[in-house]
């Protein structure tokens, strides 16, 4: 059992929902997306992924907000 586990649902642009589970064990972060898609990555790579997601999402959000002004 993983003590450090988070679950969330991602919504696709078509409205489909996928369960995502993220958990850590022995200096490894595991991401499970849907059924059968598991990615085991280093903690450093997890931070790189989080940074990239935040940067791209923020840039897209700002672009959309400017378009709606």
N, C-alpha and C. Protein backbone atom coordinates (compact mmCIF):
# COMPACT_ATOMS: atom_id res chain seq x y z
N UNK A 1 0.84 -1.19 0.00
CA UNK A 1 0.00 0.00 0.00
C UNK A 1 0.88 1.24 0.00
N UNK A 2 0.47 2.24 -0.77
CA UNK A 2 1.24 3.47 -0.91
C UNK A 2 0.65 4.53 0.00
N UNK A 3 1.48 5.11 0.85
CA UNK A 3 1.01 6.17 1.75
C UNK A 3 0.87 7.49 1.02
N UNK A 4 1.67 7.71 0.02
CA UNK A 4 1.67 8.97 -0.71
C UNK A 4 1.04 8.73 -2.08
N UNK A 5 -0.29 8.71 -2.13
CA UNK A 5 -1.01 8.41 -3.37
C UNK A 5 -2.09 9.45 -3.59
N UNK A 6 -2.22 9.92 -4.82
CA UNK A 6 -3.27 10.87 -5.20
C UNK A 6 -4.01 10.31 -6.39
N UNK A 7 -5.30 10.60 -6.45
CA UNK A 7 -6.13 10.20 -7.59
C UNK A 7 -6.86 11.42 -8.11
N UNK A 8 -7.02 11.48 -9.41
CA UNK A 8 -7.77 12.55 -10.04
C UNK A 8 -8.32 12.05 -11.37
N UNK A 9 -9.24 12.79 -11.91
CA UNK A 9 -9.78 12.46 -13.22
C UNK A 9 -9.38 13.54 -14.21
N UNK A 10 -8.94 13.13 -15.37
CA UNK A 10 -8.64 14.04 -16.46
C UNK A 10 -9.78 13.99 -17.46
N UNK A 11 -10.16 15.15 -17.97
CA UNK A 11 -11.21 15.21 -18.97
C UNK A 11 -10.60 15.53 -20.33
N UNK A 12 -10.91 14.70 -21.32
CA UNK A 12 -10.41 14.95 -22.67
C UNK A 12 -11.26 16.03 -23.32
N UNK A 13 -10.80 16.56 -24.45
CA UNK A 13 -11.57 17.59 -25.14
C UNK A 13 -12.91 17.05 -25.64
N UNK A 14 -13.02 15.73 -25.78
CA UNK A 14 -14.29 15.13 -26.22
C UNK A 14 -15.20 14.79 -25.04
N UNK A 15 -14.73 15.06 -23.81
CA UNK A 15 -15.55 14.84 -22.63
C UNK A 15 -15.34 13.52 -21.93
N UNK A 16 -14.46 12.67 -22.44
CA UNK A 16 -14.17 11.39 -21.79
C UNK A 16 -13.35 11.62 -20.52
N UNK A 17 -13.63 10.83 -19.50
CA UNK A 17 -12.92 10.94 -18.23
C UNK A 17 -11.99 9.74 -18.06
N UNK A 18 -10.77 10.01 -17.58
CA UNK A 18 -9.80 8.95 -17.30
C UNK A 18 -9.28 9.12 -15.89
N UNK A 19 -9.26 8.01 -15.14
CA UNK A 19 -8.70 8.03 -13.80
C UNK A 19 -7.18 8.09 -13.91
N UNK A 20 -6.58 8.97 -13.11
CA UNK A 20 -5.12 9.07 -13.03
C UNK A 20 -4.74 8.85 -11.58
N UNK A 21 -3.80 7.95 -11.36
CA UNK A 21 -3.27 7.69 -10.02
C UNK A 21 -1.79 8.02 -10.03
N UNK A 22 -1.36 8.76 -9.02
CA UNK A 22 0.04 9.14 -8.88
C UNK A 22 0.49 8.70 -7.50
N UNK A 23 1.59 7.95 -7.45
CA UNK A 23 2.09 7.51 -6.15
C UNK A 23 3.60 7.40 -6.20
N UNK A 24 4.19 7.50 -5.00
CA UNK A 24 5.65 7.45 -4.87
C UNK A 24 6.05 6.27 -4.02
N UNK A 25 7.18 5.67 -4.38
CA UNK A 25 7.74 4.56 -3.62
C UNK A 25 9.21 4.40 -3.98
N UNK A 26 10.06 4.37 -2.98
CA UNK A 26 11.50 4.15 -3.20
C UNK A 26 12.11 5.09 -4.22
N UNK A 27 11.91 6.39 -4.04
CA UNK A 27 12.49 7.42 -4.92
C UNK A 27 12.02 7.32 -6.36
N UNK A 28 10.87 6.68 -6.58
CA UNK A 28 10.28 6.56 -7.91
C UNK A 28 8.86 7.08 -7.85
N UNK A 29 8.47 7.84 -8.84
CA UNK A 29 7.10 8.31 -8.94
C UNK A 29 6.42 7.54 -10.06
N UNK A 30 5.27 6.98 -9.77
CA UNK A 30 4.52 6.20 -10.75
C UNK A 30 3.24 6.94 -11.11
N UNK A 31 2.95 6.97 -12.40
CA UNK A 31 1.73 7.59 -12.91
C UNK A 31 0.98 6.52 -13.68
N UNK A 32 -0.26 6.29 -13.27
CA UNK A 32 -1.11 5.34 -13.98
C UNK A 32 -2.26 6.13 -14.60
N UNK A 33 -2.41 6.00 -15.92
CA UNK A 33 -3.46 6.70 -16.65
C UNK A 33 -4.37 5.66 -17.26
N UNK A 34 -5.64 5.70 -16.84
CA UNK A 34 -6.58 4.71 -17.34
C UNK A 34 -6.16 3.33 -16.91
N UNK A 35 -6.49 2.37 -17.74
CA UNK A 35 -6.14 0.99 -17.43
C UNK A 35 -4.92 0.57 -18.26
N UNK A 36 -3.91 0.10 -17.58
CA UNK A 36 -2.77 -0.48 -18.29
C UNK A 36 -1.69 0.48 -18.73
N UNK A 37 -1.82 1.77 -18.45
CA UNK A 37 -0.78 2.72 -18.83
C UNK A 37 -0.09 3.21 -17.57
N UNK A 38 1.07 2.64 -17.29
CA UNK A 38 1.83 3.02 -16.10
C UNK A 38 3.20 3.52 -16.52
N UNK A 39 3.60 4.64 -15.93
CA UNK A 39 4.90 5.24 -16.19
C UNK A 39 5.63 5.39 -14.86
N UNK A 40 6.78 4.79 -14.74
CA UNK A 40 7.63 4.92 -13.56
C UNK A 40 8.77 5.86 -13.92
N UNK A 41 8.86 6.97 -13.20
CA UNK A 41 9.86 7.99 -13.52
C UNK A 41 10.60 8.40 -12.26
N UNK A 42 11.76 9.01 -12.46
CA UNK A 42 12.54 9.52 -11.34
C UNK A 42 11.84 10.75 -10.77
N UNK A 43 12.19 11.08 -9.53
CA UNK A 43 11.61 12.28 -8.92
C UNK A 43 12.02 13.53 -9.68
N UNK A 44 13.25 13.57 -10.18
CA UNK A 44 13.71 14.72 -10.98
C UNK A 44 12.85 14.88 -12.24
N UNK A 45 12.57 13.77 -12.89
CA UNK A 45 11.72 13.82 -14.09
C UNK A 45 10.30 14.26 -13.73
N UNK A 46 9.83 13.88 -12.55
CA UNK A 46 8.49 14.30 -12.12
C UNK A 46 8.41 15.82 -12.00
N UNK A 47 9.45 16.44 -11.44
CA UNK A 47 9.48 17.89 -11.35
C UNK A 47 9.58 18.53 -12.73
N UNK A 48 10.36 17.94 -13.62
CA UNK A 48 10.45 18.45 -14.99
C UNK A 48 9.09 18.40 -15.68
N UNK A 49 8.37 17.30 -15.50
CA UNK A 49 7.05 17.15 -16.09
C UNK A 49 6.07 18.18 -15.51
N UNK A 50 6.09 18.34 -14.20
CA UNK A 50 5.21 19.31 -13.55
C UNK A 50 5.51 20.73 -14.04
N UNK A 51 6.78 21.08 -14.14
CA UNK A 51 7.17 22.40 -14.64
C UNK A 51 6.68 22.62 -16.07
N UNK A 52 6.86 21.62 -16.93
CA UNK A 52 6.45 21.75 -18.33
C UNK A 52 4.93 21.91 -18.44
N UNK A 53 4.18 21.13 -17.67
CA UNK A 53 2.72 21.24 -17.69
C UNK A 53 2.27 22.63 -17.24
N UNK A 54 2.86 23.13 -16.17
CA UNK A 54 2.48 24.46 -15.67
C UNK A 54 2.83 25.56 -16.67
N UNK A 55 4.01 25.48 -17.28
CA UNK A 55 4.42 26.52 -18.24
C UNK A 55 3.51 26.54 -19.46
N UNK A 56 3.25 25.39 -20.03
CA UNK A 56 2.42 25.31 -21.24
C UNK A 56 0.98 25.73 -20.91
N UNK A 57 0.44 25.24 -19.79
CA UNK A 57 -0.93 25.59 -19.41
C UNK A 57 -1.06 27.09 -19.15
N UNK A 58 -0.09 27.68 -18.45
CA UNK A 58 -0.13 29.13 -18.19
C UNK A 58 -0.05 29.94 -19.47
N UNK A 59 0.83 29.55 -20.39
CA UNK A 59 0.96 30.27 -21.66
C UNK A 59 -0.32 30.18 -22.46
N UNK A 60 -0.94 29.00 -22.49
CA UNK A 60 -2.19 28.84 -23.24
C UNK A 60 -3.31 29.61 -22.58
N UNK A 61 -3.38 29.60 -21.26
CA UNK A 61 -4.40 30.35 -20.55
C UNK A 61 -4.29 31.84 -20.86
N UNK A 62 -3.07 32.37 -20.81
CA UNK A 62 -2.85 33.79 -21.10
C UNK A 62 -3.23 34.12 -22.55
N UNK A 63 -2.91 33.23 -23.48
CA UNK A 63 -3.26 33.45 -24.88
C UNK A 63 -4.77 33.49 -25.07
N UNK A 64 -5.47 32.57 -24.43
CA UNK A 64 -6.94 32.52 -24.54
C UNK A 64 -7.55 33.75 -23.88
N UNK A 65 -7.03 34.15 -22.74
CA UNK A 65 -7.55 35.32 -22.04
C UNK A 65 -7.37 36.58 -22.88
N UNK A 66 -6.22 36.73 -23.54
CA UNK A 66 -5.99 37.89 -24.40
C UNK A 66 -6.94 37.90 -25.59
N UNK A 67 -7.24 36.74 -26.11
CA UNK A 67 -8.14 36.63 -27.25
C UNK A 67 -9.56 37.01 -26.85
N UNK A 68 -9.93 36.81 -25.59
CA UNK A 68 -11.29 37.08 -25.13
C UNK A 68 -11.47 38.50 -24.60
N UNK A 69 -10.45 39.32 -24.67
CA UNK A 69 -10.55 40.72 -24.16
C UNK A 69 -11.19 41.59 -25.20
